[in-house]
Amino acid sequence: MKLLSATFISVAGVPDTTLSFGANVDGETARPLTVVTGPPTSGKTRLLEAILAAKDVIGPYGQPPMAHEWIRDGENAAKIQLTFRLDEDEIRFTGGIATIQRAEALFKPQGSRYEADAAFVSLLERYDHEGRFGKFDYFPANRSVVQGAGAHGLSAIEQRLARTTRDPRKYAFLPRFLVQLTHDANGRARFEAALEKLSPTVKYAGSRGDDDLICFSSNGRPKTRATELASSEADAVIVAATNALIGHERSVVFVDRPELYQGEAGAPAFLSALQGLAAELQLIVATSSPAILASVDPSCVIHLQGPGAG
């Protein structure tokens, strides 16, 4: 499943607009990368989260969003229409529905509702950690290695609840994940491969023995914990662990400020690494980074102008 376009009407913090994520003139093939940019308060972050809110009205992973939070002041309702392209496996799963699917999320003070094909809804809310199942995921700008939080479970039923949220506790699964790697060779290989792409300095070196969380080597120094790594390295660990655990193949992944911990010098390489994490990945990022904007094809950039919330 790939996102082809999104239309926003009366959405708080987002200008009324229709945005294309398509790669060609007819817009029926998705770009692998879309970069959303604009001045401060233009609505970059809000736009990403509005798309995710619409998805969680139409086909939720967890609790649907609070409808009133998405209605612009002075308006009685808001609407987001999303257009998707399905692949052959997804068409078979849904019993042969059309390749192009349009779905609407409607927000009113009393609550939200959707208009969409029922079979498509079952596809949109499907979630599993197998690579053959595409999914939605979001790396918000408040992502960090969580300290002192209760460990989250690793199963699909536990992980799906957090995927589209901006709750930083969604990464509290990391300690349990690192312990599991000590007896999961395939998981370790996926994690090591992703981390190598994302960071030139930090490596997964395996458990120290007495503590499975002391397992990272930075620039050849003695093993240490994720919480003691540089911010750029910890960010790479978060993304690599999530990728290894849930599988981003055939997925739509949103990243707010990929340059956040990388700095201008490292931002383009980090974005390139994100693109290479999985096959058939659609990546949509929000950024103001001059280095990223200079490194990508201008045709994949969406410029926001109006005042918003992001």
C-alpha atoms as a PDB file:
ATOM      1  CA  MET A   1       0.000   0.000   0.000  1.00  0.00           C
ATOM      2  CA  LYS A   2       1.264   3.427  -0.940  1.00  0.00           C
ATOM      3  CA  LEU A   3      -0.120   6.893  -0.220  1.00  0.00           C
ATOM      4  CA  LEU A   4      -0.799   8.838  -3.423  1.00  0.00           C
ATOM      5  CA  SER A   5      -2.439  12.042  -2.167  1.00  0.00           C
ATOM      6  CA  ALA A   6      -4.032  13.783   0.786  1.00  0.00           C
ATOM      7  CA  THR A   7      -6.670  16.524   0.846  1.00  0.00           C
ATOM      8  CA  PHE A   8      -7.172  18.660   3.951  1.00  0.00           C
ATOM      9  CA  ILE A   9     -10.278  20.755   4.582  1.00  0.00           C
ATOM     10  CA  SER A  10     -10.735  22.869   7.734  1.00  0.00           C
ATOM     11  CA  VAL A  11      -8.069  20.894   9.602  1.00  0.00           C
ATOM     12  CA  ALA A  12      -6.569  22.747  12.564  1.00  0.00           C
ATOM     13  CA  GLY A  13      -2.949  23.669  11.929  1.00  0.00           C
ATOM     14  CA  VAL A  14      -2.938  22.559   8.284  1.00  0.00           C
ATOM     15  CA  PRO A  15      -3.731  24.773   5.290  1.00  0.00           C
ATOM     16  CA  ASP A  16      -6.595  23.731   3.016  1.00  0.00           C
ATOM     17  CA  THR A  17      -4.775  21.918   0.250  1.00  0.00           C
ATOM     18  CA  THR A  18      -4.412  18.775  -1.808  1.00  0.00           C
ATOM     19  CA  LEU A  19      -0.910  17.300  -1.804  1.00  0.00           C
ATOM     20  CA  SER A  20       0.378  14.673  -4.208  1.00  0.00           C
ATOM     21  CA  PHE A  21       2.805  11.973  -3.164  1.00  0.00           C
ATOM     22  CA  GLY A  22       2.756  10.564  -6.689  1.00  0.00           C
ATOM     23  CA  ALA A  23       5.810  10.047  -8.846  1.00  0.00           C
ATOM     24  CA  ASN A  24       4.300  10.686 -12.269  1.00  0.00           C
ATOM     25  CA  VAL A  25       1.838  12.964 -14.019  1.00  0.00           C
ATOM     26  CA  ASP A  26      -1.217  10.799 -13.386  1.00  0.00           C
ATOM     27  CA  GLY A  27      -0.234  10.452  -9.715  1.00  0.00           C
ATOM     28  CA  GLU A  28      -0.983   6.715  -9.620  1.00  0.00           C
ATOM     29  CA  THR A  29       2.528   5.615  -8.613  1.00  0.00           C
ATOM     30  CA  ALA A  30       3.912   6.810  -5.281  1.00  0.00           C
ATOM     31  CA  ARG A  31       7.266   8.511  -4.836  1.00  0.00           C
ATOM     32  CA  PRO A  32       9.599   6.535  -2.554  1.00  0.00           C
ATOM     33  CA  LEU A  33      10.514   9.803  -0.804  1.00  0.00           C
ATOM     34  CA  THR A  34       8.538  12.957  -0.077  1.00  0.00           C
ATOM     35  CA  VAL A  35      10.093  15.866   1.815  1.00  0.00           C
ATOM     36  CA  VAL A  36       7.664  18.327   3.425  1.00  0.00           C
ATOM     37  CA  THR A  37       9.225  21.689   4.203  1.00  0.00           C
ATOM     38  CA  GLY A  38       8.304  25.274   4.948  1.00  0.00           C
ATOM     39  CA  PRO A  39       8.984  28.111   7.390  1.00  0.00           C
ATOM     40  CA  PRO A  40       8.339  27.784  11.138  1.00  0.00           C
ATOM     41  CA  THR A  41       4.640  27.260  12.023  1.00  0.00           C
ATOM     42  CA  SER A  42       3.799  26.339   8.423  1.00  0.00           C
ATOM     43  CA  GLY A  43       2.305  23.010   9.542  1.00  0.00           C
ATOM     44  CA  LYS A  44       5.007  20.496   8.596  1.00  0.00           C
ATOM     45  CA  THR A  45       4.723  18.284  11.668  1.00  0.00           C
ATOM     46  CA  ARG A  46       0.987  18.835  11.914  1.00  0.00           C
ATOM     47  CA  LEU A  47       0.533  17.650   8.334  1.00  0.00           C
ATOM     48  CA  LEU A  48       2.287  14.350   9.027  1.00  0.00           C
ATOM     49  CA  GLU A  49       0.253  13.814  12.167  1.00  0.00           C
ATOM     50  CA  ALA A  50      -2.984  14.775  10.401  1.00  0.00           C
ATOM     51  CA  ILE A  51      -2.427  12.006   7.849  1.00  0.00           C
ATOM     52  CA  LEU A  52      -1.821   9.558  10.685  1.00  0.00           C
ATOM     53  CA  ALA A  53      -4.926  10.799  12.510  1.00  0.00           C
ATOM     54  CA  ALA A  54      -6.987  10.195   9.378  1.00  0.00           C
ATOM     55  CA  LYS A  55      -5.530   6.704   9.047  1.00  0.00           C
ATOM     56  CA  ASP A  56      -6.459   5.989  12.659  1.00  0.00           C
ATOM     57  CA  VAL A  57     -10.033   7.089  12.051  1.00  0.00           C
ATOM     58  CA  ILE A  58     -10.395   4.927   8.942  1.00  0.00           C
ATOM     59  CA  GLY A  59      -8.380   1.871  10.009  1.00  0.00           C
ATOM     60  CA  PRO A  60      -6.994   2.307  13.530  1.00  0.00           C
ATOM     61  CA  TYR A  61      -4.167   0.424  15.203  1.00  0.00           C
ATOM     62  CA  GLY A  62      -5.340   1.653  18.613  1.00  0.00           C
ATOM     63  CA  GLN A  63      -7.666   4.318  19.927  1.00  0.00           C
ATOM     64  CA  PRO A  64      -8.912   6.790  17.285  1.00  0.00           C
ATOM     65  CA  PRO A  65      -7.794  10.402  17.782  1.00  0.00           C
ATOM     66  CA  MET A  66      -9.837  13.019  19.627  1.00  0.00           C
ATOM     67  CA  ALA A  67     -11.940  14.493  16.830  1.00  0.00           C
ATOM     68  CA  HIS A  68     -12.298  18.021  18.214  1.00  0.00           C
ATOM     69  CA  GLU A  69      -8.516  18.509  18.230  1.00  0.00           C
ATOM     70  CA  TRP A  70      -8.473  18.395  14.434  1.00  0.00           C
ATOM     71  CA  ILE A  71     -11.210  20.958  13.722  1.00  0.00           C
ATOM     72  CA  ARG A  72     -10.039  24.480  12.921  1.00  0.00           C
ATOM     73  CA  ASP A  73     -11.376  27.244  15.155  1.00  0.00           C
ATOM     74  CA  GLY A  74     -14.581  28.668  13.751  1.00  0.00           C
ATOM     75  CA  GLU A  75     -15.396  25.531  11.747  1.00  0.00           C
ATOM     76  CA  ASN A  76     -18.027  22.904  12.518  1.00  0.00           C
ATOM     77  CA  ALA A  77     -16.160  19.968  11.015  1.00  0.00           C
ATOM     78  CA  ALA A  78     -12.964  18.927   9.249  1.00  0.00           C
ATOM     79  CA  LYS A  79     -12.191  16.372   6.573  1.00  0.00           C
ATOM     80  CA  ILE A  80      -9.105  14.534   5.347  1.00  0.00           C
ATOM     81  CA  GLN A  81      -9.281  12.434   2.192  1.00  0.00           C
ATOM     82  CA  LEU A  82      -6.500   9.930   1.525  1.00  0.00           C
ATOM     83  CA  THR A  83      -5.862   8.141  -1.766  1.00  0.00           C
ATOM     84  CA  PHE A  84      -3.891   4.892  -1.875  1.00  0.00           C
ATOM     85  CA  ARG A  85      -2.547   2.464  -4.433  1.00  0.00           C
ATOM     86  CA  LEU A  86      -2.709  -1.235  -3.536  1.00  0.00           C
ATOM     87  CA  ASP A  87      -0.355  -3.946  -4.757  1.00  0.00           C
ATOM     88  CA  GLU A  88      -1.430  -7.325  -6.103  1.00  0.00           C
ATOM     89  CA  ASP A  89      -1.188  -9.133  -2.747  1.00  0.00           C
ATOM     90  CA  GLU A  90      -3.304  -6.463  -1.065  1.00  0.00           C
ATOM     91  CA  ILE A  91      -5.912  -6.646  -3.807  1.00  0.00           C
ATOM     92  CA  ARG A  92      -6.134 -10.412  -3.305  1.00  0.00           C
ATOM     93  CA  PHE A  93      -6.404  -9.967   0.472  1.00  0.00           C
ATOM     94  CA  THR A  94      -9.350  -7.620   0.018  1.00  0.00           C
ATOM     95  CA  GLY A  95     -11.180  -9.871  -2.413  1.00  0.00           C
ATOM     96  CA  GLY A  96     -10.361  -7.988  -5.599  1.00  0.00           C
ATOM     97  CA  ILE A  97     -11.223  -4.359  -4.844  1.00  0.00           C
ATOM     98  CA  ALA A  98      -9.928  -1.583  -7.113  1.00  0.00           C
ATOM     99  CA  THR A  99      -6.217  -0.762  -7.192  1.00  0.00           C
ATOM    100  CA  ILE A 100      -6.855   2.904  -6.335  1.00  0.00           C
ATOM    101  CA  GLN A 101      -8.731   3.451  -3.070  1.00  0.00           C
ATOM    102  CA  ARG A 102     -10.030   6.711  -1.626  1.00  0.00           C
ATOM    103  CA  ALA A 103     -11.059   7.037   1.993  1.00  0.00           C
ATOM    104  CA  GLU A 104     -12.286   9.984   4.050  1.00  0.00           C
ATOM    105  CA  ALA A 105     -11.906  10.759   7.724  1.00  0.00           C
ATOM    106  CA  LEU A 106     -14.542  13.157   9.023  1.00  0.00           C
ATOM    107  CA  PHE A 107     -14.033  15.042  12.282  1.00  0.00           C
ATOM    108  CA  LYS A 108     -16.932  16.621  14.187  1.00  0.00           C
ATOM    109  CA  PRO A 109     -17.220  17.897  17.768  1.00  0.00           C
ATOM    110  CA  GLN A 110     -19.253  14.809  18.671  1.00  0.00           C
ATOM    111  CA  GLY A 111     -16.666  12.404  17.287  1.00  0.00           C
ATOM    112  CA  SER A 112     -15.211  11.041  14.077  1.00  0.00           C
ATOM    113  CA  ARG A 113     -16.376   8.722  11.346  1.00  0.00           C
ATOM    114  CA  TYR A 114     -15.084   7.499   8.006  1.00  0.00           C
ATOM    115  CA  GLU A 115     -16.212   6.724   4.500  1.00  0.00           C
ATOM    116  CA  ALA A 116     -14.294   3.890   2.875  1.00  0.00           C
ATOM    117  CA  ASP A 117     -14.700   0.444   1.355  1.00  0.00           C
ATOM    118  CA  ALA A 118     -15.074  -2.092   4.183  1.00  0.00           C
ATOM    119  CA  ALA A 119     -12.520  -4.454   2.651  1.00  0.00           C
ATOM    120  CA  PHE A 120     -10.007  -1.626   2.374  1.00  0.00           C
ATOM    121  CA  VAL A 121     -10.574  -0.734   6.020  1.00  0.00           C
ATOM    122  CA  SER A 122      -9.696  -4.307   7.017  1.00  0.00           C
ATOM    123  CA  LEU A 123      -6.448  -3.924   5.079  1.00  0.00           C
ATOM    124  CA  LEU A 124      -5.597  -0.536   6.572  1.00  0.00           C
ATOM    125  CA  GLU A 125      -6.018  -1.766  10.150  1.00  0.00           C
ATOM    126  CA  ARG A 126      -4.093  -5.012   9.555  1.00  0.00           C
ATOM    127  CA  TYR A 127      -0.859  -5.147  11.529  1.00  0.00           C
ATOM    128  CA  ASP A 128       1.784  -7.824  11.781  1.00  0.00           C
ATOM    129  CA  HIS A 129       5.550  -7.963  12.080  1.00  0.00           C
ATOM    130  CA  GLU A 130       5.971 -10.077   8.961  1.00  0.00           C
ATOM    131  CA  GLY A 131       7.724  -8.216   6.173  1.00  0.00           C
ATOM    132  CA  ARG A 132       5.026  -9.122   3.669  1.00  0.00           C
ATOM    133  CA  PHE A 133       2.547  -6.943   5.585  1.00  0.00           C
ATOM    134  CA  GLY A 134       2.985  -3.221   5.016  1.00  0.00           C
ATOM    135  CA  LYS A 135       2.165  -0.891   7.876  1.00  0.00           C
ATOM    136  CA  PHE A 136       2.251   2.735   9.022  1.00  0.00           C
ATOM    137  CA  ASP A 137       4.949   3.957  11.395  1.00  0.00           C
ATOM    138  CA  TYR A 138       5.932   7.342  12.812  1.00  0.00           C
ATOM    139  CA  PHE A 139       9.231   8.582  14.253  1.00  0.00           C
ATOM    140  CA  PRO A 140       8.275  11.840  16.017  1.00  0.00           C
ATOM    141  CA  ALA A 141      10.706  14.602  16.886  1.00  0.00           C
ATOM    142  CA  ASN A 142      10.560  13.673  20.590  1.00  0.00           C
ATOM    143  CA  ARG A 143      12.029  10.230  19.955  1.00  0.00           C
ATOM    144  CA  SER A 144      14.681   9.204  22.435  1.00  0.00           C
ATOM    145  CA  VAL A 145      16.101   6.285  24.349  1.00  0.00           C
ATOM    146  CA  VAL A 146      13.652   6.142  27.240  1.00  0.00           C
ATOM    147  CA  GLN A 147      15.183   5.879  30.698  1.00  0.00           C
ATOM    148  CA  GLY A 148      13.300   4.590  33.714  1.00  0.00           C
ATOM    149  CA  ALA A 149      10.160   3.617  31.776  1.00  0.00           C
ATOM    150  CA  GLY A 150       8.558   0.230  32.136  1.00  0.00           C
ATOM    151  CA  ALA A 151       9.669  -2.124  29.379  1.00  0.00           C
ATOM    152  CA  HIS A 152       7.151  -2.551  26.583  1.00  0.00           C
ATOM    153  CA  GLY A 153       6.347  -5.873  25.000  1.00  0.00           C
ATOM    154  CA  LEU A 154       7.683  -6.948  21.623  1.00  0.00           C
ATOM    155  CA  SER A 155       4.644  -8.689  20.166  1.00  0.00           C
ATOM    156  CA  ALA A 156       2.636  -7.256  17.291  1.00  0.00           C
ATOM    157  CA  ILE A 157      -0.459  -6.868  19.435  1.00  0.00           C
ATOM    158  CA  GLU A 158       1.507  -4.720  21.907  1.00  0.00           C
ATOM    159  CA  GLN A 159       3.522  -2.739  19.365  1.00  0.00           C
ATOM    160  CA  ARG A 160       0.633  -1.800  17.075  1.00  0.00           C
ATOM    161  CA  LEU A 161      -0.926   0.461  19.705  1.00  0.00           C
ATOM    162  CA  ALA A 162       2.006   2.894  19.625  1.00  0.00           C
ATOM    163  CA  ARG A 163       3.016   2.904  15.979  1.00  0.00           C
ATOM    164  CA  THR A 164       1.236   6.064  14.841  1.00  0.00           C
ATOM    165  CA  THR A 165       1.534   7.976  18.128  1.00  0.00           C
ATOM    166  CA  ARG A 166       4.081  10.570  19.238  1.00  0.00           C
ATOM    167  CA  ASP A 167       4.373   9.014  22.706  1.00  0.00           C
ATOM    168  CA  PRO A 168       8.130   8.695  23.403  1.00  0.00           C
ATOM    169  CA  ARG A 169       7.424   5.651  25.560  1.00  0.00           C
ATOM    170  CA  LYS A 170       6.892   3.713  22.328  1.00  0.00           C
ATOM    171  CA  TYR A 171      10.676   3.110  22.370  1.00  0.00           C
ATOM    172  CA  ALA A 172      10.651   1.611  25.858  1.00  0.00           C
ATOM    173  CA  PHE A 173      10.741  -1.787  24.154  1.00  0.00           C
ATOM    174  CA  LEU A 174      14.488  -1.345  23.532  1.00  0.00           C
ATOM    175  CA  PRO A 175      15.830  -3.071  26.705  1.00  0.00           C
ATOM    176  CA  ARG A 176      13.653  -6.135  26.145  1.00  0.00           C
ATOM    177  CA  PHE A 177      14.608  -6.143  22.462  1.00  0.00           C
ATOM    178  CA  LEU A 178      18.332  -6.111  23.275  1.00  0.00           C
ATOM    179  CA  VAL A 179      17.929  -8.991  25.709  1.00  0.00           C
ATOM    180  CA  GLN A 180      16.086 -10.986  23.051  1.00  0.00           C
ATOM    181  CA  LEU A 181      18.913 -10.445  20.554  1.00  0.00           C
ATOM    182  CA  THR A 182      21.182 -12.657  22.653  1.00  0.00           C
ATOM    183  CA  HIS A 183      19.215 -15.694  21.432  1.00  0.00           C
ATOM    184  CA  ASP A 184      17.770 -14.399  18.144  1.00  0.00           C
ATOM    185  CA  ALA A 185      20.365 -14.675  15.390  1.00  0.00           C
ATOM    186  CA  ASN A 186      18.062 -13.438  12.636  1.00  0.00           C
ATOM    187  CA  GLY A 187      16.941 -10.453  14.691  1.00  0.00           C
ATOM    188  CA  ARG A 188      20.535  -9.616  15.529  1.00  0.00           C
ATOM    189  CA  ALA A 189      21.525  -9.742  11.861  1.00  0.00           C
ATOM    190  CA  ARG A 190      18.659  -7.392  10.890  1.00  0.00           C
ATOM    191  CA  PHE A 191      19.542  -4.983  13.695  1.00  0.00           C
ATOM    192  CA  GLU A 192      23.253  -4.959  12.895  1.00  0.00           C
ATOM    193  CA  ALA A 193      22.594  -4.365   9.201  1.00  0.00           C
ATOM    194  CA  ALA A 194      20.205  -1.470   9.860  1.00  0.00           C
ATOM    195  CA  LEU A 195      22.484   0.126  12.450  1.00  0.00           C
ATOM    196  CA  GLU A 196      25.487  -0.085  10.124  1.00  0.00           C
ATOM    197  CA  LYS A 197      23.533   1.870   7.500  1.00  0.00           C
ATOM    198  CA  LEU A 198      22.343   4.508   9.945  1.00  0.00           C
ATOM    199  CA  SER A 199      25.519   5.279  11.894  1.00  0.00           C
ATOM    200  CA  PRO A 200      29.202   5.224  10.926  1.00  0.00           C
ATOM    201  CA  THR A 201      30.357   5.191  14.543  1.00  0.00           C
ATOM    202  CA  VAL A 202      28.222   2.875  16.682  1.00  0.00           C
ATOM    203  CA  LYS A 203      28.080  -0.906  16.405  1.00  0.00           C
ATOM    204  CA  TYR A 204      26.117  -3.623  18.166  1.00  0.00           C
ATOM    205  CA  ALA A 205      28.907  -5.626  19.808  1.00  0.00           C
ATOM    206  CA  GLY A 206      26.839  -8.216  21.647  1.00  0.00           C
ATOM    207  CA  SER A 207      26.166  -8.630  25.341  1.00  0.00           C
ATOM    208  CA  ARG A 208      29.020  -7.974  27.747  1.00  0.00           C
ATOM    209  CA  GLY A 209      27.875 -11.128  29.514  1.00  0.00           C
ATOM    210  CA  ASP A 210      26.866  -9.841  32.923  1.00  0.00           C
ATOM    211  CA  ASP A 211      24.484  -7.239  31.442  1.00  0.00           C
ATOM    212  CA  ASP A 212      22.769  -7.666  28.075  1.00  0.00           C
ATOM    213  CA  LEU A 213      22.158  -3.908  27.801  1.00  0.00           C
ATOM    214  CA  ILE A 214      25.884  -3.144  27.769  1.00  0.00           C
ATOM    215  CA  CYS A 215      26.271  -4.092  24.140  1.00  0.00           C
ATOM    216  CA  PHE A 216      27.250  -1.085  22.004  1.00  0.00           C
ATOM    217  CA  SER A 217      30.690  -0.023  20.865  1.00  0.00           C
ATOM    218  CA  SER A 218      31.233   3.575  19.762  1.00  0.00           C
ATOM    219  CA  ASN A 219      34.358   4.364  17.765  1.00  0.00           C
ATOM    220  CA  GLY A 220      36.018   1.233  19.145  1.00  0.00           C
ATOM    221  CA  ARG A 221      35.614   2.189  22.807  1.00  0.00           C
ATOM    222  CA  PRO A 222      34.574  -0.354  25.472  1.00  0.00           C
ATOM    223  CA  LYS A 223      31.007  -1.617  25.411  1.00  0.00           C
ATOM    224  CA  THR A 224      28.374   0.735  26.760  1.00  0.00           C
ATOM    225  CA  ARG A 225      24.607   1.222  27.078  1.00  0.00           C
ATOM    226  CA  ALA A 226      22.342   2.924  24.560  1.00  0.00           C
ATOM    227  CA  THR A 227      21.628   5.646  27.127  1.00  0.00           C
ATOM    228  CA  GLU A 228      25.341   6.540  27.180  1.00  0.00           C
ATOM    229  CA  LEU A 229      25.748   6.931  23.425  1.00  0.00           C
ATOM    230  CA  ALA A 230      25.926  10.220  21.558  1.00  0.00           C
ATOM    231  CA  SER A 231      22.504  11.558  20.575  1.00  0.00           C
ATOM    232  CA  SER A 232      23.094  10.840  16.889  1.00  0.00           C
ATOM    233  CA  GLU A 233      24.050   7.247  17.720  1.00  0.00           C
ATOM    234  CA  ALA A 234      21.076   6.738  20.044  1.00  0.00           C
ATOM    235  CA  ASP A 235      18.755   7.977  17.296  1.00  0.00           C
ATOM    236  CA  ALA A 236      20.237   5.409  14.930  1.00  0.00           C
ATOM    237  CA  VAL A 237      19.740   2.689  17.554  1.00  0.00           C
ATOM    238  CA  ILE A 238      16.065   3.612  17.978  1.00  0.00           C
ATOM    239  CA  VAL A 239      15.369   3.500  14.254  1.00  0.00           C
ATOM    240  CA  ALA A 240      17.395   0.337  13.663  1.00  0.00           C
ATOM    241  CA  ALA A 241      15.750  -1.514  16.556  1.00  0.00           C
ATOM    242  CA  THR A 242      12.265  -0.520  15.397  1.00  0.00           C
ATOM    243  CA  ASN A 243      13.060  -1.574  11.854  1.00  0.00           C
ATOM    244  CA  ALA A 244      14.473  -4.921  12.961  1.00  0.00           C
ATOM    245  CA  LEU A 245      11.534  -5.628  15.276  1.00  0.00           C
ATOM    246  CA  ILE A 246       8.501  -4.655  13.201  1.00  0.00           C
ATOM    247  CA  GLY A 247       9.787  -4.765   9.609  1.00  0.00           C
ATOM    248  CA  HIS A 248       9.265  -1.727   7.364  1.00  0.00           C
ATOM    249  CA  GLU A 249       9.001  -3.597   4.085  1.00  0.00           C
ATOM    250  CA  ARG A 250       6.127  -2.296   1.914  1.00  0.00           C
ATOM    251  CA  SER A 251       5.327   0.293   4.586  1.00  0.00           C
ATOM    252  CA  VAL A 252       4.620   4.019   4.806  1.00  0.00           C
ATOM    253  CA  VAL A 253       6.999   5.577   7.333  1.00  0.00           C
ATOM    254  CA  PHE A 254       6.823   9.168   8.593  1.00  0.00           C
ATOM    255  CA  VAL A 255       9.825  10.906  10.175  1.00  0.00           C
ATOM    256  CA  ASP A 256       9.715  14.327  11.785  1.00  0.00           C
ATOM    257  CA  ARG A 257      13.038  16.165  11.548  1.00  0.00           C
ATOM    258  CA  PRO A 258      15.378  13.378  10.431  1.00  0.00           C
ATOM    259  CA  GLU A 259      18.218  15.853  10.944  1.00  0.00           C
ATOM    260  CA  LEU A 260      17.308  16.311  14.620  1.00  0.00           C
ATOM    261  CA  TYR A 261      20.363  14.644  16.135  1.00  0.00           C
ATOM    262  CA  GLN A 262      22.538  14.339  13.047  1.00  0.00           C
ATOM    263  CA  GLY A 263      23.412  17.963  12.372  1.00  0.00           C
ATOM    264  CA  GLU A 264      23.543  19.475   8.903  1.00  0.00           C
ATOM    265  CA  ALA A 265      26.670  17.579   7.922  1.00  0.00           C
ATOM    266  CA  GLY A 266      25.196  14.167   8.733  1.00  0.00           C
ATOM    267  CA  ALA A 267      21.565  14.756   7.804  1.00  0.00           C
ATOM    268  CA  PRO A 268      21.683  13.804   4.087  1.00  0.00           C
ATOM    269  CA  ALA A 269      23.464  10.514   4.799  1.00  0.00           C
ATOM    270  CA  PHE A 270      20.996   9.673   7.557  1.00  0.00           C
ATOM    271  CA  LEU A 271      18.049  10.351   5.241  1.00  0.00           C
ATOM    272  CA  SER A 272      19.632   8.180   2.560  1.00  0.00           C
ATOM    273  CA  ALA A 273      20.085   5.396   5.119  1.00  0.00           C
ATOM    274  CA  LEU A 274      16.441   5.663   6.144  1.00  0.00           C
ATOM    275  CA  GLN A 275      15.427   5.169   2.521  1.00  0.00           C
ATOM    276  CA  GLY A 276      17.514   2.019   2.303  1.00  0.00           C
ATOM    277  CA  LEU A 277      16.149   0.293   5.403  1.00  0.00           C
ATOM    278  CA  ALA A 278      13.520  -1.814   3.660  1.00  0.00           C
ATOM    279  CA  ALA A 279      12.234  -2.873   0.275  1.00  0.00           C
ATOM    280  CA  GLU A 280       9.272  -0.977  -1.184  1.00  0.00           C
ATOM    281  CA  LEU A 281       9.396   1.613   1.584  1.00  0.00           C
ATOM    282  CA  GLN A 282       7.565   4.925   1.183  1.00  0.00           C
ATOM    283  CA  LEU A 283       9.229   7.585   3.319  1.00  0.00           C
ATOM    284  CA  ILE A 284       7.571  10.923   4.142  1.00  0.00           C
ATOM    285  CA  VAL A 285       9.618  13.370   6.205  1.00  0.00           C
ATOM    286  CA  ALA A 286       9.152  16.879   7.593  1.00  0.00           C
ATOM    287  CA  THR A 287      12.244  19.060   7.703  1.00  0.00           C
ATOM    288  CA  SER A 288      13.700  22.548   7.422  1.00  0.00           C
ATOM    289  CA  SER A 289      17.248  21.270   6.919  1.00  0.00           C
ATOM    290  CA  PRO A 290      19.060  23.125   4.111  1.00  0.00           C
ATOM    291  CA  ALA A 291      21.422  20.181   3.707  1.00  0.00           C
ATOM    292  CA  ILE A 292      18.575  17.716   3.184  1.00  0.00           C
ATOM    293  CA  LEU A 293      16.759  20.039   0.791  1.00  0.00           C
ATOM    294  CA  ALA A 294      19.935  20.479  -1.246  1.00  0.00           C
ATOM    295  CA  SER A 295      20.521  16.723  -1.404  1.00  0.00           C
ATOM    296  CA  VAL A 296      17.139  15.565  -2.740  1.00  0.00           C
ATOM    297  CA  ASP A 297      15.432  15.827  -6.110  1.00  0.00           C
ATOM    298  CA  PRO A 298      13.330  19.030  -6.083  1.00  0.00           C
ATOM    299  CA  SER A 299      10.406  17.078  -7.547  1.00  0.00           C
ATOM    300  CA  CYS A 300       9.966  15.216  -4.258  1.00  0.00           C
ATOM    301  CA  VAL A 301       9.721  18.392  -2.133  1.00  0.00           C
ATOM    302  CA  ILE A 302       6.411  19.837  -0.918  1.00  0.00           C
ATOM    303  CA  HIS A 303       6.627  23.478   0.213  1.00  0.00           C
ATOM    304  CA  LEU A 304       4.093  24.682   2.763  1.00  0.00           C
ATOM    305  CA  GLN A 305       3.469  28.416   2.975  1.00  0.00           C
ATOM    306  CA  GLY A 306       0.538  29.133   5.281  1.00  0.00           C
ATOM    307  CA  PRO A 307       0.646  29.385   9.060  1.00  0.00           C
ATOM    308  CA  GLY A 308       0.054  26.095  10.803  1.00  0.00           C
ATOM    309  CA  ALA A 309       1.285  24.263  13.862  1.00  0.00           C
ATOM    310  CA  GLY A 310       4.540  22.601  13.015  1.00  0.00           C
END
